[in-house]
Amino acid sequence: MPSTLVGSYTLAALTDKLRVALADRVDPYTWDDDSLADCIAQGATEHGYQFPAQAAHRYSVAEAAQVFDITAKDPSFGETGSLGDAINAEVITITRVELPAGTPLPVDPGQSTDPAGSRSTTYKQGYRARGGRITLTNPASGAEVGTYTMRVEWLQTYNLPYGDAITGVPWNGPVLDVPLLLLYAKRAAYQKLGEWQARDGIVTQQARAVNVESLMGLVDKELDRAITVRRRRNVRGRTLDI
């Protein structure tokens, strides 16, 4: 089972951890803080798509409403009311729509080819989803209309961290996933160093001598092992390959 213990790691804290993991703690640094922040962002994105957060919320539906835009929320918040504060995540895919709540809607496979006016086309509610946008097959009516009548489940990334501890947004993924996030970020850092070396970028003499290909191979092996362990821990959950 995946850990249910959620962390709250600022960008600065994750950047410090990544610098330690890269053994880049002596000035002049190979990677400046901005470069490491970019690597953290890339790592957080990769982790979020590979092991997304599950979220659900209820929405009020107006008469004849048909299109709904779903945005990411703090998964720890309840299904009604506020989506949470300081959200910097994105919806990956809609997994379930209930309308009215408790009644699952089928995914609309496309426009019906049945003759107009036939019983099968009289009323058949369903939905299509693309990213975070839901489009109902038919405009909402009857019992579908009202307060919190639509319930939606989806997969989303965790927060992409930015800013400082006061005004920024922390990464809010599982505590046990921090080492995995750092591995994704570490691979991104070596990729960045390889690009700098290839175009003779501004790097230290010591950094020019780094065998990036060898280090990338080691990180990839570590990642493969870490992902396998994470998936075993997540056997009852759902993963999304990128």
C-alpha atoms as a PDB file:
ATOM      1  CA  MET A   1       0.000   0.000   0.000  1.00  0.00           C
ATOM      2  CA  PRO A   2       1.282   3.488  -0.762  1.00  0.00           C
ATOM      3  CA  SER A   3       1.969   5.764   2.133  1.00  0.00           C
ATOM      4  CA  THR A   4      -0.972   7.937   3.144  1.00  0.00           C
ATOM      5  CA  LEU A   5       1.357  10.251   5.053  1.00  0.00           C
ATOM      6  CA  VAL A   6       1.513  13.432   2.989  1.00  0.00           C
ATOM      7  CA  GLY A   7       4.526  15.693   3.088  1.00  0.00           C
ATOM      8  CA  SER A   8       4.911  19.439   2.696  1.00  0.00           C
ATOM      9  CA  TYR A   9       8.278  20.155   1.134  1.00  0.00           C
ATOM     10  CA  THR A  10       9.215  23.635  -0.020  1.00  0.00           C
ATOM     11  CA  LEU A  11      11.154  24.146  -3.213  1.00  0.00           C
ATOM     12  CA  ALA A  12      14.167  25.278  -1.145  1.00  0.00           C
ATOM     13  CA  ALA A  13      14.092  22.116   0.968  1.00  0.00           C
ATOM     14  CA  LEU A  14      13.898  19.871  -2.100  1.00  0.00           C
ATOM     15  CA  THR A  15      16.649  21.830  -3.835  1.00  0.00           C
ATOM     16  CA  ASP A  16      18.925  21.349  -0.822  1.00  0.00           C
ATOM     17  CA  LYS A  17      18.197  17.619  -0.799  1.00  0.00           C
ATOM     18  CA  LEU A  18      18.958  17.384  -4.503  1.00  0.00           C
ATOM     19  CA  ARG A  19      22.253  19.244  -4.093  1.00  0.00           C
ATOM     20  CA  VAL A  20      23.272  16.751  -1.403  1.00  0.00           C
ATOM     21  CA  ALA A  21      22.242  13.814  -3.630  1.00  0.00           C
ATOM     22  CA  LEU A  22      24.401  15.239  -6.435  1.00  0.00           C
ATOM     23  CA  ALA A  23      27.347  15.809  -4.063  1.00  0.00           C
ATOM     24  CA  ASP A  24      27.470  19.395  -5.307  1.00  0.00           C
ATOM     25  CA  ARG A  25      27.963  21.179  -2.004  1.00  0.00           C
ATOM     26  CA  VAL A  26      31.206  23.089  -2.601  1.00  0.00           C
ATOM     27  CA  ASP A  27      31.384  26.482  -4.304  1.00  0.00           C
ATOM     28  CA  PRO A  28      31.754  26.920  -7.269  1.00  0.00           C
ATOM     29  CA  TYR A  29      28.695  24.739  -7.805  1.00  0.00           C
ATOM     30  CA  THR A  30      28.073  22.738 -10.954  1.00  0.00           C
ATOM     31  CA  TRP A  31      24.346  23.532 -10.773  1.00  0.00           C
ATOM     32  CA  ASP A  32      23.069  26.844  -9.467  1.00  0.00           C
ATOM     33  CA  ASP A  33      19.854  26.978  -7.461  1.00  0.00           C
ATOM     34  CA  ASP A  34      17.720  27.959 -10.452  1.00  0.00           C
ATOM     35  CA  SER A  35      18.981  24.982 -12.435  1.00  0.00           C
ATOM     36  CA  LEU A  36      18.232  22.619  -9.567  1.00  0.00           C
ATOM     37  CA  ALA A  37      14.778  24.174  -9.193  1.00  0.00           C
ATOM     38  CA  ASP A  38      14.127  23.357 -12.858  1.00  0.00           C
ATOM     39  CA  CYS A  39      15.201  19.770 -12.194  1.00  0.00           C
ATOM     40  CA  ILE A  40      12.884  19.529  -9.181  1.00  0.00           C
ATOM     41  CA  ALA A  41      10.009  20.774 -11.358  1.00  0.00           C
ATOM     42  CA  GLN A  42      10.768  18.158 -13.999  1.00  0.00           C
ATOM     43  CA  GLY A  43      11.073  15.437 -11.362  1.00  0.00           C
ATOM     44  CA  ALA A  44       7.808  16.442  -9.706  1.00  0.00           C
ATOM     45  CA  THR A  45       6.024  16.352 -13.061  1.00  0.00           C
ATOM     46  CA  GLU A  46       7.369  12.918 -13.962  1.00  0.00           C
ATOM     47  CA  HIS A  47       6.495  11.557 -10.536  1.00  0.00           C
ATOM     48  CA  GLY A  48       2.996  13.073 -10.709  1.00  0.00           C
ATOM     49  CA  TYR A  49       2.171  11.410 -14.013  1.00  0.00           C
ATOM     50  CA  GLN A  50       3.673   8.077 -13.009  1.00  0.00           C
ATOM     51  CA  PHE A  51       2.043   7.970  -9.567  1.00  0.00           C
ATOM     52  CA  PRO A  52      -0.810  10.489  -9.598  1.00  0.00           C
ATOM     53  CA  ALA A  53      -2.969  11.600  -6.726  1.00  0.00           C
ATOM     54  CA  GLN A  54      -6.626  10.558  -6.660  1.00  0.00           C
ATOM     55  CA  ALA A  55      -9.188  13.292  -6.067  1.00  0.00           C
ATOM     56  CA  ALA A  56     -12.972  13.676  -6.019  1.00  0.00           C
ATOM     57  CA  HIS A  57     -15.373  16.586  -5.701  1.00  0.00           C
ATOM     58  CA  ARG A  58     -19.057  17.390  -6.004  1.00  0.00           C
ATOM     59  CA  TYR A  59     -20.413  20.193  -8.156  1.00  0.00           C
ATOM     60  CA  SER A  60     -23.689  22.038  -8.423  1.00  0.00           C
ATOM     61  CA  VAL A  61     -25.403  21.749 -11.790  1.00  0.00           C
ATOM     62  CA  ALA A  62     -27.594  24.372 -13.430  1.00  0.00           C
ATOM     63  CA  GLU A  63     -30.507  23.662 -15.755  1.00  0.00           C
ATOM     64  CA  ALA A  64     -29.277  22.881 -19.296  1.00  0.00           C
ATOM     65  CA  ALA A  65     -25.595  22.929 -18.214  1.00  0.00           C
ATOM     66  CA  GLN A  66     -23.468  20.683 -20.396  1.00  0.00           C
ATOM     67  CA  VAL A  67     -19.782  21.656 -20.134  1.00  0.00           C
ATOM     68  CA  PHE A  68     -17.777  21.608 -16.889  1.00  0.00           C
ATOM     69  CA  ASP A  69     -14.122  22.501 -16.350  1.00  0.00           C
ATOM     70  CA  ILE A  70     -12.540  20.510 -13.523  1.00  0.00           C
ATOM     71  CA  THR A  71      -9.454  21.922 -11.813  1.00  0.00           C
ATOM     72  CA  ALA A  72      -7.004  20.266  -9.441  1.00  0.00           C
ATOM     73  CA  LYS A  73      -7.660  20.395  -5.694  1.00  0.00           C
ATOM     74  CA  ASP A  74      -5.976  19.617  -2.408  1.00  0.00           C
ATOM     75  CA  PRO A  75      -6.791  15.873  -2.175  1.00  0.00           C
ATOM     76  CA  SER A  76      -7.021  16.134   1.619  1.00  0.00           C
ATOM     77  CA  PHE A  77     -10.037  18.452   1.385  1.00  0.00           C
ATOM     78  CA  GLY A  78     -13.619  17.154   1.458  1.00  0.00           C
ATOM     79  CA  GLU A  79     -15.815  16.595  -1.596  1.00  0.00           C
ATOM     80  CA  THR A  80     -17.899  19.729  -1.114  1.00  0.00           C
ATOM     81  CA  GLY A  81     -16.941  23.351  -0.660  1.00  0.00           C
ATOM     82  CA  SER A  82     -13.382  24.613  -1.052  1.00  0.00           C
ATOM     83  CA  LEU A  83     -10.876  22.924  -3.326  1.00  0.00           C
ATOM     84  CA  GLY A  84      -8.098  24.011  -0.952  1.00  0.00           C
ATOM     85  CA  ASP A  85      -5.490  26.736  -0.866  1.00  0.00           C
ATOM     86  CA  ALA A  86      -2.285  27.226  -2.849  1.00  0.00           C
ATOM     87  CA  ILE A  87      -2.909  24.627  -5.534  1.00  0.00           C
ATOM     88  CA  ASN A  88      -0.327  24.282  -8.304  1.00  0.00           C
ATOM     89  CA  ALA A  89      -1.264  20.928  -9.811  1.00  0.00           C
ATOM     90  CA  GLU A  90      -3.035  19.776 -12.945  1.00  0.00           C
ATOM     91  CA  VAL A  91      -5.781  17.293 -13.777  1.00  0.00           C
ATOM     92  CA  ILE A  92      -4.452  14.341 -15.765  1.00  0.00           C
ATOM     93  CA  THR A  93      -7.613  12.424 -16.584  1.00  0.00           C
ATOM     94  CA  ILE A  94     -11.230  12.116 -15.475  1.00  0.00           C
ATOM     95  CA  THR A  95     -11.945   8.585 -14.212  1.00  0.00           C
ATOM     96  CA  ARG A  96     -15.593   8.694 -13.109  1.00  0.00           C
ATOM     97  CA  VAL A  97     -18.627  10.950 -13.362  1.00  0.00           C
ATOM     98  CA  GLU A  98     -21.813  10.450 -11.357  1.00  0.00           C
ATOM     99  CA  LEU A  99     -24.962  12.399 -12.212  1.00  0.00           C
ATOM    100  CA  PRO A 100     -26.935  12.518 -10.034  1.00  0.00           C
ATOM    101  CA  ALA A 101     -24.331  11.639  -7.381  1.00  0.00           C
ATOM    102  CA  GLY A 102     -24.365   7.869  -6.911  1.00  0.00           C
ATOM    103  CA  THR A 103     -25.386   7.180 -10.507  1.00  0.00           C
ATOM    104  CA  PRO A 104     -22.303   6.512 -12.696  1.00  0.00           C
ATOM    105  CA  LEU A 105     -22.483   7.885 -16.220  1.00  0.00           C
ATOM    106  CA  PRO A 106     -21.112   5.881 -19.149  1.00  0.00           C
ATOM    107  CA  VAL A 107     -18.450   7.374 -21.355  1.00  0.00           C
ATOM    108  CA  ASP A 108     -20.066   8.635 -24.538  1.00  0.00           C
ATOM    109  CA  PRO A 109     -18.487   6.643 -27.407  1.00  0.00           C
ATOM    110  CA  GLY A 110     -19.577   9.255 -29.922  1.00  0.00           C
ATOM    111  CA  GLN A 111     -22.604  10.451 -31.804  1.00  0.00           C
ATOM    112  CA  SER A 112     -25.406   7.895 -32.042  1.00  0.00           C
ATOM    113  CA  THR A 113     -26.202   6.415 -35.461  1.00  0.00           C
ATOM    114  CA  ASP A 114     -29.709   5.342 -34.394  1.00  0.00           C
ATOM    115  CA  PRO A 115     -32.625   6.870 -36.355  1.00  0.00           C
ATOM    116  CA  ALA A 116     -33.775  10.238 -35.019  1.00  0.00           C
ATOM    117  CA  GLY A 117     -36.691   9.893 -32.624  1.00  0.00           C
ATOM    118  CA  SER A 118     -36.027   6.217 -31.865  1.00  0.00           C
ATOM    119  CA  ARG A 119     -36.304   5.067 -28.279  1.00  0.00           C
ATOM    120  CA  SER A 120     -32.523   4.727 -27.894  1.00  0.00           C
ATOM    121  CA  THR A 121     -32.026   8.412 -28.707  1.00  0.00           C
ATOM    122  CA  THR A 122     -34.881   9.772 -26.612  1.00  0.00           C
ATOM    123  CA  TYR A 123     -32.573  10.311 -23.623  1.00  0.00           C
ATOM    124  CA  LYS A 124     -29.239   8.726 -22.992  1.00  0.00           C
ATOM    125  CA  GLN A 125     -26.984  10.657 -20.643  1.00  0.00           C
ATOM    126  CA  GLY A 126     -23.251  10.126 -20.766  1.00  0.00           C
ATOM    127  CA  TYR A 127     -20.095  12.202 -20.916  1.00  0.00           C
ATOM    128  CA  ARG A 128     -16.907  12.853 -22.808  1.00  0.00           C
ATOM    129  CA  ALA A 129     -13.757  14.067 -21.101  1.00  0.00           C
ATOM    130  CA  ARG A 130     -10.629  15.681 -22.414  1.00  0.00           C
ATOM    131  CA  GLY A 131      -8.104  16.715 -19.821  1.00  0.00           C
ATOM    132  CA  GLY A 132     -10.143  18.432 -17.139  1.00  0.00           C
ATOM    133  CA  ARG A 133     -13.135  19.306 -19.354  1.00  0.00           C
ATOM    134  CA  ILE A 134     -16.323  17.257 -19.109  1.00  0.00           C
ATOM    135  CA  THR A 135     -19.018  17.508 -21.782  1.00  0.00           C
ATOM    136  CA  LEU A 136     -22.358  15.818 -21.107  1.00  0.00           C
ATOM    137  CA  THR A 137     -24.087  14.017 -23.946  1.00  0.00           C
ATOM    138  CA  ASN A 138     -27.260  15.973 -23.196  1.00  0.00           C
ATOM    139  CA  PRO A 139     -27.894  19.217 -21.303  1.00  0.00           C
ATOM    140  CA  ALA A 140     -28.596  18.595 -17.612  1.00  0.00           C
ATOM    141  CA  SER A 141     -32.242  18.349 -16.587  1.00  0.00           C
ATOM    142  CA  GLY A 142     -34.555  16.913 -13.951  1.00  0.00           C
ATOM    143  CA  ALA A 143     -32.833  15.200 -11.031  1.00  0.00           C
ATOM    144  CA  GLU A 144     -29.439  16.108 -12.516  1.00  0.00           C
ATOM    145  CA  VAL A 145     -29.986  19.756 -11.645  1.00  0.00           C
ATOM    146  CA  GLY A 146     -29.283  21.027  -8.162  1.00  0.00           C
ATOM    147  CA  THR A 147     -26.702  21.587  -5.443  1.00  0.00           C
ATOM    148  CA  TYR A 148     -23.788  19.127  -5.470  1.00  0.00           C
ATOM    149  CA  THR A 149     -25.644  16.761  -7.816  1.00  0.00           C
ATOM    150  CA  MET A 150     -22.577  15.871  -9.893  1.00  0.00           C
ATOM    151  CA  ARG A 151     -19.698  13.892  -8.404  1.00  0.00           C
ATOM    152  CA  VAL A 152     -16.419  13.619 -10.315  1.00  0.00           C
ATOM    153  CA  GLU A 153     -13.315  11.515  -9.667  1.00  0.00           C
ATOM    154  CA  TRP A 154      -9.999  12.163 -11.375  1.00  0.00           C
ATOM    155  CA  LEU A 155      -6.247  11.671 -11.288  1.00  0.00           C
ATOM    156  CA  GLN A 156      -3.998  14.692 -10.864  1.00  0.00           C
ATOM    157  CA  THR A 157      -0.391  15.587 -10.226  1.00  0.00           C
ATOM    158  CA  TYR A 158       0.821  16.735  -6.840  1.00  0.00           C
ATOM    159  CA  ASN A 159       1.770  20.384  -6.445  1.00  0.00           C
ATOM    160  CA  LEU A 160       4.615  21.695  -8.528  1.00  0.00           C
ATOM    161  CA  PRO A 161       6.602  23.504  -5.807  1.00  0.00           C
ATOM    162  CA  TYR A 162       7.611  27.111  -6.244  1.00  0.00           C
ATOM    163  CA  GLY A 163       8.480  30.177  -4.186  1.00  0.00           C
ATOM    164  CA  ASP A 164       9.452  30.357  -0.536  1.00  0.00           C
ATOM    165  CA  ALA A 165       7.983  28.873   2.628  1.00  0.00           C
ATOM    166  CA  ILE A 166       5.715  31.879   3.205  1.00  0.00           C
ATOM    167  CA  THR A 167       4.319  32.810  -0.199  1.00  0.00           C
ATOM    168  CA  GLY A 168       5.128  29.715  -2.240  1.00  0.00           C
ATOM    169  CA  VAL A 169       3.489  26.335  -2.795  1.00  0.00           C
ATOM    170  CA  PRO A 170       5.097  23.173  -1.339  1.00  0.00           C
ATOM    171  CA  TRP A 171       5.187  19.742  -2.917  1.00  0.00           C
ATOM    172  CA  ASN A 172       2.435  17.734  -1.205  1.00  0.00           C
ATOM    173  CA  GLY A 173       3.143  14.169  -2.303  1.00  0.00           C
ATOM    174  CA  PRO A 174       3.617  11.124  -0.057  1.00  0.00           C
ATOM    175  CA  VAL A 175       6.564  11.325   2.327  1.00  0.00           C
ATOM    176  CA  LEU A 176       7.850   7.933   1.197  1.00  0.00           C
ATOM    177  CA  ASP A 177       8.018   9.205  -2.403  1.00  0.00           C
ATOM    178  CA  VAL A 178      10.563  11.956  -1.716  1.00  0.00           C
ATOM    179  CA  PRO A 179      13.558   9.710  -2.613  1.00  0.00           C
ATOM    180  CA  LEU A 180      11.806   8.737  -5.863  1.00  0.00           C
ATOM    181  CA  LEU A 181      11.114  12.376  -6.706  1.00  0.00           C
ATOM    182  CA  LEU A 182      14.784  13.178  -6.082  1.00  0.00           C
ATOM    183  CA  LEU A 183      15.866  10.368  -8.404  1.00  0.00           C
ATOM    184  CA  TYR A 184      13.757  11.820 -11.211  1.00  0.00           C
ATOM    185  CA  ALA A 185      15.265  15.240 -10.461  1.00  0.00           C
ATOM    186  CA  LYS A 186      18.788  13.795 -10.286  1.00  0.00           C
ATOM    187  CA  ARG A 187      18.391  12.277 -13.746  1.00  0.00           C
ATOM    188  CA  ALA A 188      17.177  15.660 -15.010  1.00  0.00           C
ATOM    189  CA  ALA A 189      20.262  17.324 -13.507  1.00  0.00           C
ATOM    190  CA  TYR A 190      22.628  14.942 -15.278  1.00  0.00           C
ATOM    191  CA  GLN A 191      20.731  15.457 -18.533  1.00  0.00           C
ATOM    192  CA  LYS A 192      21.168  19.186 -18.110  1.00  0.00           C
ATOM    193  CA  LEU A 193      24.896  18.754 -17.426  1.00  0.00           C
ATOM    194  CA  GLY A 194      25.238  16.607 -20.542  1.00  0.00           C
ATOM    195  CA  GLU A 195      23.615  19.343 -22.619  1.00  0.00           C
ATOM    196  CA  TRP A 196      25.983  21.933 -21.147  1.00  0.00           C
ATOM    197  CA  GLN A 197      28.992  19.770 -21.944  1.00  0.00           C
ATOM    198  CA  ALA A 198      27.776  19.160 -25.512  1.00  0.00           C
ATOM    199  CA  ARG A 199      27.538  22.853 -26.295  1.00  0.00           C
ATOM    200  CA  ASP A 200      30.546  23.801 -24.183  1.00  0.00           C
ATOM    201  CA  GLY A 201      28.372  25.646 -21.714  1.00  0.00           C
ATOM    202  CA  ILE A 202      29.624  27.497 -18.666  1.00  0.00           C
ATOM    203  CA  VAL A 203      30.534  24.692 -16.280  1.00  0.00           C
ATOM    204  CA  THR A 204      33.471  24.177 -13.926  1.00  0.00           C
ATOM    205  CA  GLN A 205      36.565  22.323 -15.055  1.00  0.00           C
ATOM    206  CA  GLN A 206      35.610  19.536 -12.681  1.00  0.00           C
ATOM    207  CA  ALA A 207      32.128  19.308 -14.215  1.00  0.00           C
ATOM    208  CA  ARG A 208      33.592  19.027 -17.733  1.00  0.00           C
ATOM    209  CA  ALA A 209      35.322  15.836 -16.643  1.00  0.00           C
ATOM    210  CA  VAL A 210      32.151  14.149 -15.375  1.00  0.00           C
ATOM    211  CA  ASN A 211      31.154  11.019 -17.286  1.00  0.00           C
ATOM    212  CA  VAL A 212      27.481  11.887 -17.639  1.00  0.00           C
ATOM    213  CA  GLU A 213      26.612   8.780 -19.662  1.00  0.00           C
ATOM    214  CA  SER A 214      27.917   6.503 -16.905  1.00  0.00           C
ATOM    215  CA  LEU A 215      26.118   8.412 -14.162  1.00  0.00           C
ATOM    216  CA  MET A 216      22.880   8.415 -16.153  1.00  0.00           C
ATOM    217  CA  GLY A 217      23.123   4.649 -16.447  1.00  0.00           C
ATOM    218  CA  LEU A 218      23.480   4.300 -12.673  1.00  0.00           C
ATOM    219  CA  VAL A 219      20.553   6.633 -11.982  1.00  0.00           C
ATOM    220  CA  ASP A 220      18.360   4.778 -14.470  1.00  0.00           C
ATOM    221  CA  LYS A 221      19.056   1.516 -12.638  1.00  0.00           C
ATOM    222  CA  GLU A 222      18.227   3.160  -9.307  1.00  0.00           C
ATOM    223  CA  LEU A 223      15.020   4.536 -10.807  1.00  0.00           C
ATOM    224  CA  ASP A 224      13.985   1.156 -12.174  1.00  0.00           C
ATOM    225  CA  ARG A 225      14.406  -0.400  -8.730  1.00  0.00           C
ATOM    226  CA  ALA A 226      12.621   2.463  -6.968  1.00  0.00           C
ATOM    227  CA  ILE A 227       9.689   2.390  -9.398  1.00  0.00           C
ATOM    228  CA  THR A 228       9.332  -1.381  -8.965  1.00  0.00           C
ATOM    229  CA  VAL A 229       9.235  -0.994  -5.174  1.00  0.00           C
ATOM    230  CA  ARG A 230       6.739   1.869  -5.450  1.00  0.00           C
ATOM    231  CA  ARG A 231       4.434  -0.135  -7.702  1.00  0.00           C
ATOM    232  CA  ARG A 232       4.503  -3.073  -5.324  1.00  0.00           C
ATOM    233  CA  ARG A 233       3.574  -0.688  -2.541  1.00  0.00           C
ATOM    234  CA  ASN A 234       0.803   0.643  -4.711  1.00  0.00           C
ATOM    235  CA  VAL A 235      -0.780  -2.646  -5.804  1.00  0.00           C
ATOM    236  CA  ARG A 236      -4.218  -1.444  -4.784  1.00  0.00           C
ATOM    237  CA  GLY A 237      -3.764   1.935  -6.366  1.00  0.00           C
ATOM    238  CA  ARG A 238      -3.614   3.095  -9.929  1.00  0.00           C
ATOM    239  CA  THR A 239      -0.547   4.168 -11.868  1.00  0.00           C
ATOM    240  CA  LEU A 240      -0.420   6.097 -15.101  1.00  0.00           C
ATOM    241  CA  ASP A 241       2.480   5.490 -17.460  1.00  0.00           C
ATOM    242  CA  ILE A 242       3.920   8.470 -19.247  1.00  0.00           C
END
